[in-house]
């Protein structure tokens, strides 16, 4: 809640993630990108967004919609391989009232889940337990997303 109510940084985190020096960007496709959530609920919390700065689903064209969902699917597959979670929360929040922290740029959340994970601590105690540093998680995931780019170019 502190993050949602806090004054926001200038610019768009997703548009900024397209720059060459973006440190948490895992993948840039033809129409989508994948970035790690800077404020994750748990390790491996990814965000999939269209490259275009759009705020609603009806602004996506069919190709963008297809690539976005395919990128979500491929991201889940990579997380299964690398992190071996027991399940996932996958979804999007449309509008501030629905919990969108960045409502001006549409994005899916992919949150890996494990039996007995500590996600409830965030809700009850305002504490997050992240067992691995975000850069270590990035380093583990990045080679798989590099291969994803090559695979998509071969399609």
N, C-alpha and C. Protein backbone atom coordinates (compact mmCIF):
# COMPACT_ATOMS: atom_id res chain seq x y z
N UNK A 1 0.82 -1.19 0.00
CA UNK A 1 0.00 0.00 0.00
C UNK A 1 0.87 1.26 0.00
N UNK A 2 2.00 1.18 0.72
CA UNK A 2 2.92 2.31 0.76
C UNK A 2 3.37 2.68 -0.65
N UNK A 3 3.69 1.66 -1.47
CA UNK A 3 4.13 1.91 -2.85
C UNK A 3 3.00 2.53 -3.68
N UNK A 4 1.79 2.00 -3.54
CA UNK A 4 0.66 2.50 -4.33
C UNK A 4 0.36 3.95 -4.00
N UNK A 5 0.42 4.31 -2.72
CA UNK A 5 0.08 5.67 -2.30
C UNK A 5 1.24 6.65 -2.42
N UNK A 6 2.45 6.14 -2.54
CA UNK A 6 3.63 7.02 -2.62
C UNK A 6 3.64 7.81 -3.92
N UNK A 7 4.34 8.94 -3.90
CA UNK A 7 4.50 9.73 -5.11
C UNK A 7 5.32 8.93 -6.12
N UNK A 8 4.84 8.90 -7.34
CA UNK A 8 5.46 8.07 -8.38
C UNK A 8 6.65 8.79 -9.03
N UNK A 9 7.61 7.95 -9.47
CA UNK A 9 8.73 8.48 -10.23
C UNK A 9 8.20 9.01 -11.56
N UNK A 10 8.89 9.97 -12.11
CA UNK A 10 8.51 10.52 -13.42
C UNK A 10 8.77 9.48 -14.50
N UNK A 11 7.94 9.49 -15.53
CA UNK A 11 8.11 8.57 -16.64
C UNK A 11 7.39 7.25 -16.41
N UNK A 12 7.58 6.33 -17.32
CA UNK A 12 6.92 5.03 -17.29
C UNK A 12 7.98 3.95 -17.12
N UNK A 13 7.81 3.09 -16.12
CA UNK A 13 8.80 2.05 -15.88
C UNK A 13 8.94 1.11 -17.06
N UNK A 14 7.86 0.88 -17.80
CA UNK A 14 7.92 -0.04 -18.93
C UNK A 14 8.59 0.61 -20.14
N UNK A 15 8.29 1.86 -20.38
CA UNK A 15 8.97 2.57 -21.47
C UNK A 15 10.46 2.73 -21.14
N UNK A 16 10.77 3.01 -19.87
CA UNK A 16 12.17 3.12 -19.44
C UNK A 16 12.89 1.78 -19.58
N UNK A 17 12.16 0.67 -19.42
CA UNK A 17 12.76 -0.67 -19.51
C UNK A 17 13.23 -0.99 -20.93
N UNK A 18 12.83 -0.20 -21.90
CA UNK A 18 13.26 -0.41 -23.28
C UNK A 18 14.64 0.17 -23.57
N UNK A 19 15.16 0.99 -22.66
CA UNK A 19 16.47 1.60 -22.90
C UNK A 19 17.57 0.55 -22.78
N UNK A 20 18.70 0.83 -23.38
CA UNK A 20 19.84 -0.10 -23.41
C UNK A 20 20.39 -0.38 -22.02
N UNK A 21 20.28 0.57 -21.10
CA UNK A 21 20.86 0.39 -19.77
C UNK A 21 19.83 -0.07 -18.73
N UNK A 22 18.69 -0.58 -19.17
CA UNK A 22 17.67 -1.08 -18.24
C UNK A 22 18.20 -2.35 -17.57
N UNK A 23 18.23 -2.34 -16.25
CA UNK A 23 18.89 -3.43 -15.55
C UNK A 23 18.01 -4.61 -15.17
N UNK A 24 16.71 -4.51 -15.27
CA UNK A 24 15.83 -5.63 -14.92
C UNK A 24 15.02 -6.14 -16.11
N UNK A 25 15.35 -5.70 -17.32
CA UNK A 25 14.65 -6.15 -18.51
C UNK A 25 15.23 -7.50 -18.95
N UNK A 26 14.36 -8.49 -19.02
CA UNK A 26 14.77 -9.84 -19.42
C UNK A 26 14.61 -10.08 -20.91
N UNK A 27 13.62 -9.41 -21.55
CA UNK A 27 13.29 -9.74 -22.93
C UNK A 27 12.60 -8.56 -23.61
N UNK A 28 12.98 -8.31 -24.85
CA UNK A 28 12.29 -7.34 -25.71
C UNK A 28 11.95 -8.07 -26.99
N UNK A 29 10.67 -8.24 -27.26
CA UNK A 29 10.23 -8.89 -28.48
C UNK A 29 9.77 -7.88 -29.50
N UNK A 30 9.05 -8.36 -30.49
CA UNK A 30 8.53 -7.46 -31.53
C UNK A 30 7.48 -6.51 -30.95
N UNK A 31 6.61 -7.04 -30.10
CA UNK A 31 5.53 -6.22 -29.54
C UNK A 31 5.47 -6.22 -28.01
N UNK A 32 6.31 -7.02 -27.34
CA UNK A 32 6.22 -7.15 -25.89
C UNK A 32 7.59 -7.10 -25.22
N UNK A 33 7.57 -6.89 -23.92
CA UNK A 33 8.78 -6.98 -23.13
C UNK A 33 8.47 -7.68 -21.82
N UNK A 34 9.52 -8.23 -21.20
CA UNK A 34 9.40 -8.88 -19.90
C UNK A 34 10.42 -8.22 -18.99
N UNK A 35 9.94 -7.72 -17.84
CA UNK A 35 10.82 -7.13 -16.84
C UNK A 35 10.55 -7.78 -15.50
N UNK A 36 11.56 -7.76 -14.67
CA UNK A 36 11.38 -8.24 -13.30
C UNK A 36 10.73 -7.12 -12.49
N UNK A 37 9.84 -7.49 -11.61
CA UNK A 37 9.20 -6.51 -10.74
C UNK A 37 10.22 -6.02 -9.72
N UNK A 38 10.44 -4.71 -9.68
CA UNK A 38 11.42 -4.11 -8.77
C UNK A 38 10.97 -4.26 -7.32
N UNK A 39 9.67 -4.44 -7.10
CA UNK A 39 9.11 -4.62 -5.76
C UNK A 39 8.31 -5.93 -5.75
N UNK A 40 9.02 -7.06 -5.84
CA UNK A 40 8.32 -8.34 -6.01
C UNK A 40 7.60 -8.81 -4.76
N UNK A 41 6.53 -9.58 -4.98
CA UNK A 41 5.87 -10.27 -3.87
C UNK A 41 6.70 -11.47 -3.45
N UNK A 42 7.41 -12.03 -4.42
CA UNK A 42 8.22 -13.21 -4.18
C UNK A 42 9.23 -13.32 -5.33
N UNK A 43 10.27 -14.10 -5.16
CA UNK A 43 11.27 -14.25 -6.22
C UNK A 43 10.62 -14.68 -7.54
N UNK A 44 11.12 -14.11 -8.63
CA UNK A 44 10.64 -14.49 -9.95
C UNK A 44 9.39 -13.76 -10.40
N UNK A 45 8.95 -12.74 -9.65
CA UNK A 45 7.76 -11.96 -10.01
C UNK A 45 8.07 -11.15 -11.27
N UNK A 46 7.44 -11.54 -12.40
CA UNK A 46 7.70 -10.90 -13.69
C UNK A 46 6.52 -10.06 -14.14
N UNK A 47 6.82 -9.10 -15.01
CA UNK A 47 5.81 -8.24 -15.63
C UNK A 47 5.97 -8.34 -17.13
N UNK A 48 4.86 -8.60 -17.83
CA UNK A 48 4.86 -8.67 -19.29
C UNK A 48 3.98 -7.53 -19.80
N UNK A 49 4.55 -6.69 -20.67
CA UNK A 49 3.84 -5.51 -21.15
C UNK A 49 4.01 -5.36 -22.65
N UNK A 50 3.05 -4.68 -23.29
CA UNK A 50 3.26 -4.35 -24.70
C UNK A 50 4.33 -3.26 -24.81
N UNK A 51 5.02 -3.22 -25.94
CA UNK A 51 6.00 -2.15 -26.15
C UNK A 51 5.32 -0.80 -26.25
N UNK A 52 4.16 -0.80 -26.91
CA UNK A 52 3.42 0.46 -27.04
C UNK A 52 2.85 0.86 -25.69
N UNK A 53 2.85 2.14 -25.41
CA UNK A 53 2.35 2.69 -24.15
C UNK A 53 0.81 2.75 -24.22
N UNK A 54 0.18 1.67 -23.77
CA UNK A 54 -1.27 1.53 -23.81
C UNK A 54 -1.80 1.25 -22.41
N UNK A 55 -3.04 1.66 -22.14
CA UNK A 55 -3.58 1.46 -20.80
C UNK A 55 -4.73 0.46 -20.73
N UNK A 56 -5.21 -0.03 -21.88
CA UNK A 56 -6.35 -0.97 -21.82
C UNK A 56 -6.24 -2.03 -22.90
N UNK A 57 -6.89 -3.14 -22.64
CA UNK A 57 -6.84 -4.27 -23.57
C UNK A 57 -7.39 -3.93 -24.95
N UNK A 58 -8.43 -3.10 -25.00
CA UNK A 58 -9.05 -2.79 -26.30
C UNK A 58 -8.16 -1.93 -27.20
N UNK A 59 -7.05 -1.42 -26.69
CA UNK A 59 -6.11 -0.66 -27.50
C UNK A 59 -5.09 -1.54 -28.21
N UNK A 60 -4.99 -2.81 -27.79
CA UNK A 60 -4.07 -3.75 -28.43
C UNK A 60 -4.64 -4.22 -29.76
N UNK A 61 -3.79 -4.37 -30.77
CA UNK A 61 -4.27 -5.02 -31.98
C UNK A 61 -4.13 -6.54 -31.78
N UNK A 62 -4.67 -7.30 -32.70
CA UNK A 62 -4.70 -8.77 -32.55
C UNK A 62 -3.30 -9.36 -32.44
N UNK A 63 -2.36 -8.84 -33.23
CA UNK A 63 -0.99 -9.35 -33.18
C UNK A 63 -0.37 -9.11 -31.80
N UNK A 64 -0.54 -7.88 -31.29
CA UNK A 64 0.00 -7.55 -29.97
C UNK A 64 -0.62 -8.42 -28.88
N UNK A 65 -1.92 -8.62 -28.96
CA UNK A 65 -2.61 -9.46 -27.98
C UNK A 65 -2.06 -10.88 -28.03
N UNK A 66 -1.89 -11.40 -29.23
CA UNK A 66 -1.36 -12.75 -29.38
C UNK A 66 0.06 -12.87 -28.85
N UNK A 67 0.91 -11.90 -29.18
CA UNK A 67 2.29 -11.96 -28.70
C UNK A 67 2.34 -11.80 -27.19
N UNK A 68 1.49 -10.94 -26.64
CA UNK A 68 1.51 -10.75 -25.19
C UNK A 68 1.16 -12.04 -24.46
N UNK A 69 0.11 -12.71 -24.90
CA UNK A 69 -0.28 -13.96 -24.25
C UNK A 69 0.75 -15.05 -24.48
N UNK A 70 1.33 -15.09 -25.67
CA UNK A 70 2.39 -16.07 -25.94
C UNK A 70 3.61 -15.79 -25.07
N UNK A 71 3.93 -14.52 -24.84
CA UNK A 71 5.06 -14.17 -23.99
C UNK A 71 4.78 -14.53 -22.53
N UNK A 72 3.54 -14.34 -22.09
CA UNK A 72 3.16 -14.78 -20.74
C UNK A 72 3.36 -16.30 -20.63
N UNK A 73 2.87 -17.04 -21.62
CA UNK A 73 2.99 -18.51 -21.61
C UNK A 73 4.46 -18.93 -21.58
N UNK A 74 5.28 -18.33 -22.42
CA UNK A 74 6.70 -18.69 -22.48
C UNK A 74 7.42 -18.30 -21.19
N UNK A 75 7.03 -17.19 -20.59
CA UNK A 75 7.63 -16.77 -19.33
C UNK A 75 7.30 -17.76 -18.21
N UNK A 76 6.08 -18.22 -18.18
CA UNK A 76 5.68 -19.24 -17.20
C UNK A 76 6.52 -20.51 -17.41
N UNK A 77 6.70 -20.91 -18.67
CA UNK A 77 7.51 -22.10 -18.96
C UNK A 77 8.95 -21.93 -18.47
N UNK A 78 9.53 -20.75 -18.68
CA UNK A 78 10.89 -20.50 -18.22
C UNK A 78 10.96 -20.56 -16.70
N UNK A 79 10.00 -19.94 -16.02
CA UNK A 79 10.00 -19.98 -14.56
C UNK A 79 9.84 -21.42 -14.05
N UNK A 80 9.05 -22.23 -14.75
CA UNK A 80 8.92 -23.65 -14.37
C UNK A 80 10.26 -24.35 -14.46
N UNK A 81 10.99 -24.11 -15.53
CA UNK A 81 12.30 -24.75 -15.73
C UNK A 81 13.32 -24.30 -14.69
N UNK A 82 13.40 -23.00 -14.47
CA UNK A 82 14.46 -22.44 -13.66
C UNK A 82 14.16 -22.49 -12.16
N UNK A 83 12.92 -22.15 -11.79
CA UNK A 83 12.61 -21.98 -10.37
C UNK A 83 11.75 -23.10 -9.80
N UNK A 84 11.15 -23.90 -10.66
CA UNK A 84 10.35 -25.06 -10.25
C UNK A 84 9.27 -24.73 -9.21
N UNK A 85 8.43 -23.72 -9.48
CA UNK A 85 7.35 -23.41 -8.53
C UNK A 85 6.24 -24.47 -8.58
N UNK A 86 5.40 -24.45 -7.56
CA UNK A 86 4.26 -25.38 -7.50
C UNK A 86 3.03 -24.84 -8.24
N UNK A 87 3.02 -23.55 -8.53
CA UNK A 87 1.90 -22.92 -9.23
C UNK A 87 2.21 -21.47 -9.53
N UNK A 88 1.22 -20.76 -10.04
CA UNK A 88 1.41 -19.36 -10.44
C UNK A 88 0.15 -18.56 -10.18
N UNK A 89 0.32 -17.28 -9.88
CA UNK A 89 -0.73 -16.28 -10.02
C UNK A 89 -0.37 -15.50 -11.28
N UNK A 90 -1.29 -15.44 -12.24
CA UNK A 90 -1.07 -14.70 -13.48
C UNK A 90 -2.29 -13.82 -13.70
N UNK A 91 -2.07 -12.53 -13.93
CA UNK A 91 -3.21 -11.65 -14.17
C UNK A 91 -2.79 -10.23 -14.40
N UNK A 92 -3.80 -9.38 -14.59
CA UNK A 92 -3.54 -7.96 -14.76
C UNK A 92 -4.56 -7.17 -13.97
N UNK A 93 -4.13 -6.00 -13.55
CA UNK A 93 -4.98 -5.10 -12.78
C UNK A 93 -5.29 -3.90 -13.68
N UNK A 94 -6.55 -3.72 -13.99
CA UNK A 94 -6.94 -2.62 -14.87
C UNK A 94 -7.53 -1.48 -14.04
N UNK A 95 -6.79 -0.41 -13.91
CA UNK A 95 -7.23 0.75 -13.14
C UNK A 95 -6.68 0.74 -11.73
N UNK A 96 -6.51 1.93 -11.17
CA UNK A 96 -5.96 2.10 -9.83
C UNK A 96 -6.81 1.38 -8.79
N UNK A 97 -8.12 1.46 -8.92
CA UNK A 97 -9.01 0.83 -7.94
C UNK A 97 -8.86 -0.69 -7.93
N UNK A 98 -8.38 -1.26 -9.03
CA UNK A 98 -8.16 -2.71 -9.13
C UNK A 98 -6.76 -3.10 -8.67
N UNK A 99 -5.97 -2.13 -8.25
CA UNK A 99 -4.64 -2.43 -7.73
C UNK A 99 -3.50 -2.14 -8.69
N UNK A 100 -3.79 -1.52 -9.82
CA UNK A 100 -2.74 -1.22 -10.78
C UNK A 100 -1.81 -0.15 -10.22
N UNK A 101 -0.57 -0.51 -9.99
CA UNK A 101 0.42 0.46 -9.52
C UNK A 101 0.88 1.36 -10.65
N UNK A 102 0.84 0.83 -11.88
CA UNK A 102 1.19 1.59 -13.09
C UNK A 102 0.01 1.41 -14.04
N UNK A 103 -1.02 2.23 -13.85
CA UNK A 103 -2.24 2.04 -14.63
C UNK A 103 -2.15 2.55 -16.06
N UNK A 104 -1.17 3.41 -16.36
CA UNK A 104 -1.09 3.98 -17.70
C UNK A 104 -0.41 3.07 -18.72
N UNK A 105 0.22 1.97 -18.26
CA UNK A 105 0.85 1.03 -19.21
C UNK A 105 0.42 -0.39 -18.82
N UNK A 106 -0.44 -0.94 -19.63
CA UNK A 106 -0.98 -2.29 -19.42
C UNK A 106 0.13 -3.30 -19.18
N UNK A 107 -0.06 -4.22 -18.23
CA UNK A 107 0.94 -5.26 -17.98
C UNK A 107 0.33 -6.42 -17.19
N UNK A 108 0.82 -7.60 -17.51
CA UNK A 108 0.47 -8.81 -16.78
C UNK A 108 1.49 -9.03 -15.68
N UNK A 109 1.02 -9.56 -14.55
CA UNK A 109 1.89 -10.03 -13.48
C UNK A 109 1.98 -11.54 -13.58
N UNK A 110 3.18 -12.08 -13.41
CA UNK A 110 3.38 -13.52 -13.29
C UNK A 110 4.10 -13.73 -11.97
N UNK A 111 3.42 -14.36 -11.03
CA UNK A 111 3.98 -14.56 -9.69
C UNK A 111 4.08 -16.06 -9.42
N UNK A 112 5.31 -16.60 -9.39
CA UNK A 112 5.46 -18.01 -9.06
C UNK A 112 5.09 -18.24 -7.59
N UNK A 113 4.50 -19.41 -7.32
CA UNK A 113 4.08 -19.73 -5.96
C UNK A 113 4.57 -21.12 -5.58
N UNK A 114 4.92 -21.28 -4.31
CA UNK A 114 5.37 -22.56 -3.77
C UNK A 114 4.53 -22.89 -2.56
N UNK A 115 4.28 -24.16 -2.33
CA UNK A 115 3.60 -24.56 -1.11
C UNK A 115 4.40 -24.05 0.07
N UNK A 116 3.73 -23.37 0.99
CA UNK A 116 4.40 -22.85 2.18
C UNK A 116 5.17 -21.57 1.95
N UNK A 117 4.98 -20.92 0.77
CA UNK A 117 5.72 -19.66 0.58
C UNK A 117 5.20 -18.60 1.55
N UNK A 118 5.89 -17.51 1.62
CA UNK A 118 5.64 -16.51 2.66
C UNK A 118 4.83 -15.32 2.17
N UNK A 119 4.11 -15.48 1.09
CA UNK A 119 3.37 -14.37 0.49
C UNK A 119 2.41 -13.72 1.49
N UNK A 120 1.82 -14.50 2.39
CA UNK A 120 0.84 -13.95 3.33
C UNK A 120 1.48 -12.95 4.28
N UNK A 121 2.76 -13.02 4.53
CA UNK A 121 3.41 -12.07 5.42
C UNK A 121 3.29 -10.64 4.92
N UNK A 122 3.26 -10.46 3.60
CA UNK A 122 3.11 -9.13 3.02
C UNK A 122 1.78 -8.53 3.45
N UNK A 123 0.74 -9.35 3.45
CA UNK A 123 -0.60 -8.88 3.79
C UNK A 123 -0.75 -8.65 5.29
N UNK A 124 -0.28 -9.58 6.09
CA UNK A 124 -0.54 -9.52 7.53
C UNK A 124 0.50 -8.73 8.33
N UNK A 125 1.73 -8.71 7.89
CA UNK A 125 2.78 -8.10 8.71
C UNK A 125 3.57 -7.03 7.97
N UNK A 126 3.19 -6.72 6.72
CA UNK A 126 3.91 -5.74 5.92
C UNK A 126 5.39 -6.11 5.82
N UNK A 127 5.64 -7.41 5.68
CA UNK A 127 6.99 -7.95 5.57
C UNK A 127 7.07 -8.79 4.31
N UNK A 128 8.17 -8.66 3.58
CA UNK A 128 8.41 -9.52 2.42
C UNK A 128 9.66 -10.34 2.66
N UNK A 129 9.54 -11.62 2.42
CA UNK A 129 10.68 -12.51 2.57
C UNK A 129 11.10 -12.93 1.17
N UNK A 130 12.24 -12.43 0.73
CA UNK A 130 12.76 -12.74 -0.60
C UNK A 130 14.07 -13.49 -0.37
N UNK A 131 14.08 -14.83 -0.59
CA UNK A 131 15.26 -15.62 -0.24
C UNK A 131 16.46 -15.44 -1.17
N UNK A 132 16.28 -14.80 -2.32
CA UNK A 132 17.38 -14.63 -3.26
C UNK A 132 17.39 -13.18 -3.73
N UNK A 133 18.56 -12.58 -3.83
CA UNK A 133 18.67 -11.21 -4.31
C UNK A 133 18.13 -11.12 -5.73
N UNK A 134 17.47 -10.01 -6.05
CA UNK A 134 16.82 -9.85 -7.36
C UNK A 134 17.83 -9.98 -8.51
N UNK A 135 19.07 -9.52 -8.31
CA UNK A 135 20.08 -9.64 -9.38
C UNK A 135 20.49 -11.10 -9.60
N UNK A 136 20.50 -11.91 -8.54
CA UNK A 136 20.80 -13.34 -8.70
C UNK A 136 19.68 -14.02 -9.47
N UNK A 137 18.44 -13.67 -9.17
CA UNK A 137 17.31 -14.23 -9.92
C UNK A 137 17.40 -13.81 -11.38
N UNK A 138 17.71 -12.53 -11.63
CA UNK A 138 17.88 -12.02 -12.98
C UNK A 138 18.95 -12.82 -13.73
N UNK A 139 20.09 -13.01 -13.08
CA UNK A 139 21.20 -13.74 -13.72
C UNK A 139 20.81 -15.18 -14.05
N UNK A 140 19.98 -15.79 -13.23
CA UNK A 140 19.51 -17.16 -13.50
C UNK A 140 18.51 -17.22 -14.65
N UNK A 141 17.66 -16.20 -14.76
CA UNK A 141 16.61 -16.20 -15.78
C UNK A 141 17.07 -15.67 -17.14
N UNK A 142 17.99 -14.72 -17.15
CA UNK A 142 18.37 -14.01 -18.38
C UNK A 142 18.80 -14.93 -19.52
N UNK A 143 19.61 -15.96 -19.32
CA UNK A 143 19.99 -16.81 -20.45
C UNK A 143 18.79 -17.49 -21.12
N UNK A 144 17.78 -17.83 -20.36
CA UNK A 144 16.58 -18.45 -20.91
C UNK A 144 15.79 -17.46 -21.76
N UNK A 145 15.72 -16.21 -21.30
CA UNK A 145 15.03 -15.19 -22.08
C UNK A 145 15.84 -14.78 -23.30
N UNK A 146 17.16 -14.86 -23.23
CA UNK A 146 17.99 -14.63 -24.43
C UNK A 146 17.66 -15.68 -25.48
N UNK A 147 17.51 -16.91 -25.07
CA UNK A 147 17.14 -17.98 -25.99
C UNK A 147 15.72 -17.80 -26.53
N UNK A 148 14.83 -17.25 -25.72
CA UNK A 148 13.46 -16.98 -26.15
C UNK A 148 13.48 -16.02 -27.34
N UNK A 149 14.33 -15.00 -27.27
CA UNK A 149 14.44 -14.05 -28.39
C UNK A 149 14.91 -14.73 -29.65
N UNK A 150 15.89 -15.61 -29.53
CA UNK A 150 16.37 -16.34 -30.72
C UNK A 150 15.30 -17.27 -31.25
N UNK A 151 14.58 -17.95 -30.35
CA UNK A 151 13.52 -18.87 -30.77
C UNK A 151 12.43 -18.12 -31.53
N UNK A 152 12.01 -16.95 -31.00
CA UNK A 152 10.96 -16.18 -31.66
C UNK A 152 11.41 -15.67 -33.03
N UNK A 153 12.69 -15.34 -33.18
CA UNK A 153 13.19 -14.90 -34.49
C UNK A 153 13.23 -16.03 -35.49
N UNK A 154 13.34 -17.27 -35.01
CA UNK A 154 13.35 -18.43 -35.90
C UNK A 154 11.96 -18.83 -36.36
N UNK A 155 10.91 -18.39 -35.62
CA UNK A 155 9.52 -18.78 -35.97
C UNK A 155 9.08 -18.23 -37.30
